[in-house]
Protein backbone atom coordinates (compact mmCIF):
# COMPACT_ATOMS: atom_id res chain seq x y z
CA MET A 1 -53.68 56.67 28.77
CA LYS A 2 -54.17 53.89 27.33
CA GLU A 3 -54.38 50.30 29.24
CA THR A 4 -53.62 47.60 27.08
CA PRO A 5 -55.75 44.07 27.23
CA ASN A 6 -54.51 43.12 30.71
CA GLY A 7 -55.52 46.35 32.25
CA ILE A 8 -52.51 47.91 32.76
CA THR A 9 -51.26 50.95 31.45
CA ARG A 10 -48.22 51.43 28.78
CA ARG A 11 -46.73 53.74 31.30
CA GLN A 12 -46.90 50.90 34.34
CA LEU A 13 -45.73 48.32 31.90
CA LEU A 14 -42.68 50.90 31.18
CA GLY A 15 -41.88 51.15 34.73
CA ALA A 16 -41.76 47.48 35.19
CA GLY A 17 -39.55 46.81 32.54
CA THR A 18 -36.93 49.48 33.91
CA LEU A 19 -37.39 48.18 37.20
CA ILE A 20 -36.61 44.61 35.79
CA ALA A 21 -33.71 45.94 33.79
CA VAL A 22 -32.38 47.31 36.51
CA SER A 23 -32.77 44.65 39.05
CA SER A 24 -30.94 42.35 36.39
CA SER A 25 -28.00 44.28 36.36
CA PHE A 26 -27.69 44.88 40.24
CA SER A 27 -28.16 41.39 40.76
CA ASN A 28 -25.29 41.16 38.37
CA ALA A 29 -23.12 42.99 40.02
CA ALA A 30 -23.91 41.36 43.21
CA THR A 31 -22.75 37.97 41.77
CA ILE A 32 -19.12 39.83 41.12
CA VAL A 33 -18.86 42.29 43.62
CA GLY A 34 -20.67 39.98 47.02
CA GLY A 35 -18.22 37.05 46.48
CA GLN A 36 -21.03 34.77 44.95
CA ALA A 37 -19.74 31.82 42.67
CA LEU A 38 -19.67 33.38 39.15
CA PRO A 39 -21.89 30.90 36.65
CA TRP A 40 -18.73 29.95 35.23
CA THR A 41 -16.30 26.87 35.17
CA PRO A 42 -12.73 25.92 33.96
CA GLY A 43 -12.84 24.84 30.12
CA ALA A 44 -16.74 26.17 29.38
CA ALA A 45 -15.71 28.19 26.74
CA ASP A 46 -13.95 27.59 23.57
CA PRO A 47 -10.17 28.47 24.58
CA PRO A 48 -7.41 29.54 21.43
CA ALA A 49 -6.09 26.81 19.57
CA ASP A 50 -2.58 25.78 21.26
CA ILE A 51 0.42 26.67 19.20
CA ASN A 52 2.30 23.53 18.14
CA PRO A 53 6.10 23.82 18.98
CA HIS A 54 7.13 22.12 16.36
CA ASN A 55 5.42 23.59 13.22
CA TRP A 56 7.00 26.16 12.05
CA THR A 57 5.19 28.94 9.43
CA PHE A 58 7.77 31.64 8.46
CA PHE A 59 11.18 30.71 8.85
CA ASN A 60 13.08 27.41 6.85
CA ASP A 61 15.69 25.33 8.33
CA GLN A 62 18.42 27.51 8.50
CA GLU A 63 16.95 30.69 9.83
CA ARG A 64 15.17 28.39 12.16
CA LEU A 65 18.38 27.22 13.45
CA ALA A 66 19.77 30.85 13.73
CA VAL A 67 16.44 32.96 15.31
CA GLU A 68 17.03 30.17 17.66
CA ALA A 69 20.63 30.65 18.62
CA ILE A 70 19.54 33.97 18.73
CA VAL A 71 16.93 34.07 21.75
CA GLU A 72 18.98 31.55 23.52
CA THR A 73 22.15 34.16 23.34
CA LEU A 74 19.89 37.36 24.73
CA ILE A 75 18.17 35.17 27.55
CA PRO A 76 20.20 32.26 27.99
CA ALA A 77 19.23 29.39 30.76
CA ASP A 78 19.47 29.62 34.51
CA GLU A 79 18.92 29.34 38.12
CA LEU A 80 15.28 31.99 37.18
CA SER A 81 13.87 30.88 34.26
CA LEU A 82 14.54 28.53 30.84
CA SER A 83 16.06 30.13 28.30
CA GLY A 84 14.45 32.44 25.12
CA LYS A 85 14.79 28.91 23.03
CA ASP A 86 12.79 27.39 25.71
CA ALA A 87 10.64 29.78 26.33
CA GLY A 88 9.30 29.32 23.17
CA CYS A 89 10.72 33.04 21.49
CA ALA A 90 11.71 31.59 18.67
CA ILE A 91 8.34 30.32 17.63
CA TYR A 92 6.24 33.54 18.89
CA ILE A 93 8.61 35.60 16.30
CA ASP A 94 8.15 32.68 13.46
CA ARG A 95 4.00 33.08 14.42
CA GLN A 96 4.45 36.96 14.46
CA MET A 97 6.04 37.20 11.02
CA SER A 98 3.72 34.90 9.04
CA GLY A 99 0.64 36.80 10.33
CA PRO A 100 -0.71 40.33 9.75
CA GLN A 101 1.67 41.93 11.49
CA GLY A 102 5.25 40.73 10.16
CA GLN A 103 3.03 41.15 6.73
CA GLY A 104 3.14 44.76 7.15
CA ALA A 105 -0.81 45.03 7.37
CA ARG A 106 -0.71 48.30 8.83
CA MET A 107 2.22 50.15 7.75
CA TYR A 108 2.42 52.53 4.50
CA LEU A 109 4.80 50.55 2.67
CA GLN A 110 4.34 53.13 -0.93
CA GLY A 111 7.74 55.51 -2.15
CA PRO A 112 8.94 57.81 -1.72
CA PHE A 113 11.41 56.06 0.60
CA ALA A 114 13.95 58.22 1.84
CA LYS A 115 17.22 58.01 4.83
CA GLY A 116 15.02 60.23 7.26
CA LEU A 117 15.54 60.76 10.80
CA PRO A 118 15.14 58.68 14.05
CA THR A 119 12.13 59.71 14.85
CA GLN A 120 10.39 59.36 11.79
CA GLY A 121 10.31 55.54 11.78
CA PRO A 122 11.60 53.37 9.55
CA GLN A 123 11.24 54.65 5.88
CA SER A 124 11.49 50.99 3.77
CA PRO A 125 9.07 49.20 1.04
CA LEU A 126 10.14 45.74 3.14
CA THR A 127 7.32 44.43 5.38
CA PRO A 128 8.63 43.18 8.63
CA ALA A 129 9.14 40.05 7.49
CA GLU A 130 10.78 40.66 4.84
CA GLN A 131 13.34 42.75 6.61
CA MET A 132 13.27 39.83 8.91
CA ARG A 133 14.50 37.50 6.34
CA ALA A 134 17.11 40.23 5.14
CA GLY A 135 18.67 40.94 8.24
CA LEU A 136 19.09 37.18 8.44
CA ALA A 137 20.13 36.59 5.67
CA ALA A 138 22.98 39.11 5.95
CA LEU A 139 24.02 37.76 9.78
CA ASP A 140 24.67 34.43 8.05
CA LYS A 141 26.67 36.01 5.27
CA HIS A 142 29.10 38.06 8.03
CA CYS A 143 29.58 35.07 10.15
CA LYS A 144 30.26 32.87 6.97
CA ALA A 145 32.83 35.26 6.03
CA ALA A 146 34.30 36.30 9.42
CA PHE A 147 34.07 32.80 11.66
CA GLY A 148 33.71 30.44 8.27
CA GLN A 149 30.32 29.33 9.67
CA PRO A 150 26.77 30.93 10.18
CA PHE A 151 25.73 32.43 13.51
CA ALA A 152 23.86 28.88 14.57
CA GLN A 153 27.32 27.38 14.87
CA LEU A 154 29.52 29.95 16.74
CA ALA A 155 30.88 29.25 20.07
CA ALA A 156 28.34 31.18 22.94
CA HIS A 157 31.05 33.91 23.28
CA ASP A 158 31.67 34.71 20.05
CA ARG A 159 27.82 34.76 19.83
CA GLU A 160 27.74 37.26 22.50
CA ALA A 161 30.42 39.30 21.07
CA LEU A 162 28.52 39.38 17.67
CA LEU A 163 25.48 40.58 19.04
CA ARG A 164 27.06 43.28 21.22
CA GLY A 165 28.87 44.57 18.51
CA LEU A 166 25.61 45.14 16.28
CA GLU A 167 23.93 46.37 19.62
CA ASN A 168 26.38 49.75 19.82
CA GLY A 169 27.14 49.93 15.91
CA HIS A 170 30.62 48.46 15.69
CA VAL A 171 29.60 45.70 13.55
CA GLU A 172 28.44 46.09 9.91
CA LEU A 173 26.07 43.37 8.25
CA PRO A 174 26.72 43.33 3.98
CA ASP A 175 23.66 44.16 1.74
CA ALA A 176 22.66 47.36 2.87
CA VAL A 177 21.27 45.43 6.40
CA GLN A 178 22.13 48.18 9.63
CA GLY A 179 23.35 46.37 12.22
CA SER A 180 22.02 48.17 14.82
CA ALA A 181 18.53 48.21 13.77
CA PHE A 182 18.46 44.82 13.41
CA PHE A 183 19.78 43.92 16.96
CA GLU A 184 16.99 46.56 18.13
CA VAL A 185 14.63 44.30 16.32
CA LEU A 186 15.72 40.97 17.67
CA LEU A 187 16.26 41.88 21.18
CA SER A 188 12.27 43.54 21.33
CA ARG A 189 11.19 40.58 19.33
CA THR A 190 12.23 38.35 21.74
CA MET A 191 11.42 40.48 24.71
CA GLU A 192 7.50 40.12 23.15
CA GLY A 193 8.11 36.43 23.11
CA PHE A 194 9.48 35.74 26.37
CA PHE A 195 6.79 38.21 28.33
CA ALA A 196 4.19 37.73 26.18
CA ASP A 197 0.77 35.31 27.12
CA PRO A 198 1.77 31.99 26.15
CA ILE A 199 -1.31 31.75 23.36
CA TYR A 200 1.20 33.58 21.40
CA GLY A 201 3.79 30.58 21.06
CA GLY A 202 6.44 32.01 23.92
CA ASN A 203 6.45 32.75 27.47
CA ARG A 204 5.70 28.83 27.93
CA ASP A 205 4.06 27.21 30.91
CA MET A 206 4.06 31.14 31.92
CA VAL A 207 7.84 30.76 32.69
CA SER A 208 8.64 34.56 33.05
CA TRP A 209 5.31 35.51 34.78
CA LYS A 210 6.25 32.98 37.70
CA MET A 211 9.29 34.64 37.43
CA ILE A 212 8.51 38.09 37.79
CA GLY A 213 5.27 37.02 40.07
CA TYR A 214 3.07 38.42 37.37
CA PRO A 215 -0.66 37.01 37.66
CA GLY A 216 -1.57 37.28 34.21
CA SER A 217 -4.85 37.17 32.54
CA ARG A 218 -7.15 36.88 36.27
CA TYR A 219 -10.67 37.68 35.73
CA ASP A 220 -10.76 40.52 38.56
CA TYR A 221 -8.61 41.21 41.60
CA LEU A 222 -10.90 42.95 43.80
CA ASP A 223 -9.76 41.11 46.57
CA TRP A 224 -6.16 42.40 46.60
CA ILE A 225 -7.05 46.25 45.70
CA ASP A 226 -5.85 47.46 48.80
CA LYS A 227 -3.42 45.45 49.95
CA HIS A 228 -0.43 47.55 48.15
CA GLY A 229 3.54 45.88 48.19
CA GLN A 230 2.13 42.31 49.35
CA THR A 231 3.69 39.26 46.97
CA TYR A 232 0.28 37.60 45.17
CA PRO A 233 0.29 34.15 46.45
CA ASN A 234 -1.70 32.41 43.49
CA PRO A 235 -0.18 30.77 40.07
CA PRO A 236 -0.47 32.98 36.91
CA VAL A 237 -3.22 32.01 34.75
CA SER A 238 -3.26 32.28 30.59
CA ILE A 239 -5.47 33.43 28.18
CA ALA A 240 -6.29 30.19 27.17
CA GLY A 241 -6.61 29.08 31.32
CA ARG A 242 -4.26 27.20 33.55
CA PRO A 243 -2.89 23.48 32.14
CA ASP A 244 -3.98 21.77 35.43
CA TRP A 245 -7.77 22.63 34.47
CA LYS A 246 -7.91 21.21 31.11
CA VAL A 247 -9.66 17.97 31.07
């Protein structure tokens, strides 16, 4: 077999390279599994940009007030957590509507459109953002006709009754907006904002994760794999880390 200038055969050279690669892999695995300190420190990577809760990118002022009132009604403040408004659910929905999801980036929006079965999904040329805007306009139009003022200015019990009516189909909205379908969207978006990672604008200070004991985006749970039914004692961690890690 042909030798290298240093007298090492190609087979020996390849074997040595393989040994180095395998040893390196085992070394990294040992670093992670063996309990030694990871080569990482808080804040070492570039974190996602924080969302400014005062900078709205989709809703106008009237829509913003309506959405804040909706999420506050769906998730009122109590002894367990903040309200949906204070937890940032409205700003979460705002970011979703101005982003690819709201713009229907992966949706087929070409005709023909016909009212199909519920299992066939939405049949509409409108993007989710356009449907949200149309739904909010129809909601306020209904409220002005029924109560003389927009949804955001209604008393708490009137808001609750109206949303309950939308949910069970007893309240219909004008301009061909299906009330029950619009309620499902509002409820789903609010729940997403309340339980999603804080980098998306909601779940402020990881309030919902603290409430349910969810540990968040920790890099591993090796020490807790076999501890079934036990309460995880450490505080939750967002994709962006924890506020007390920032310097």
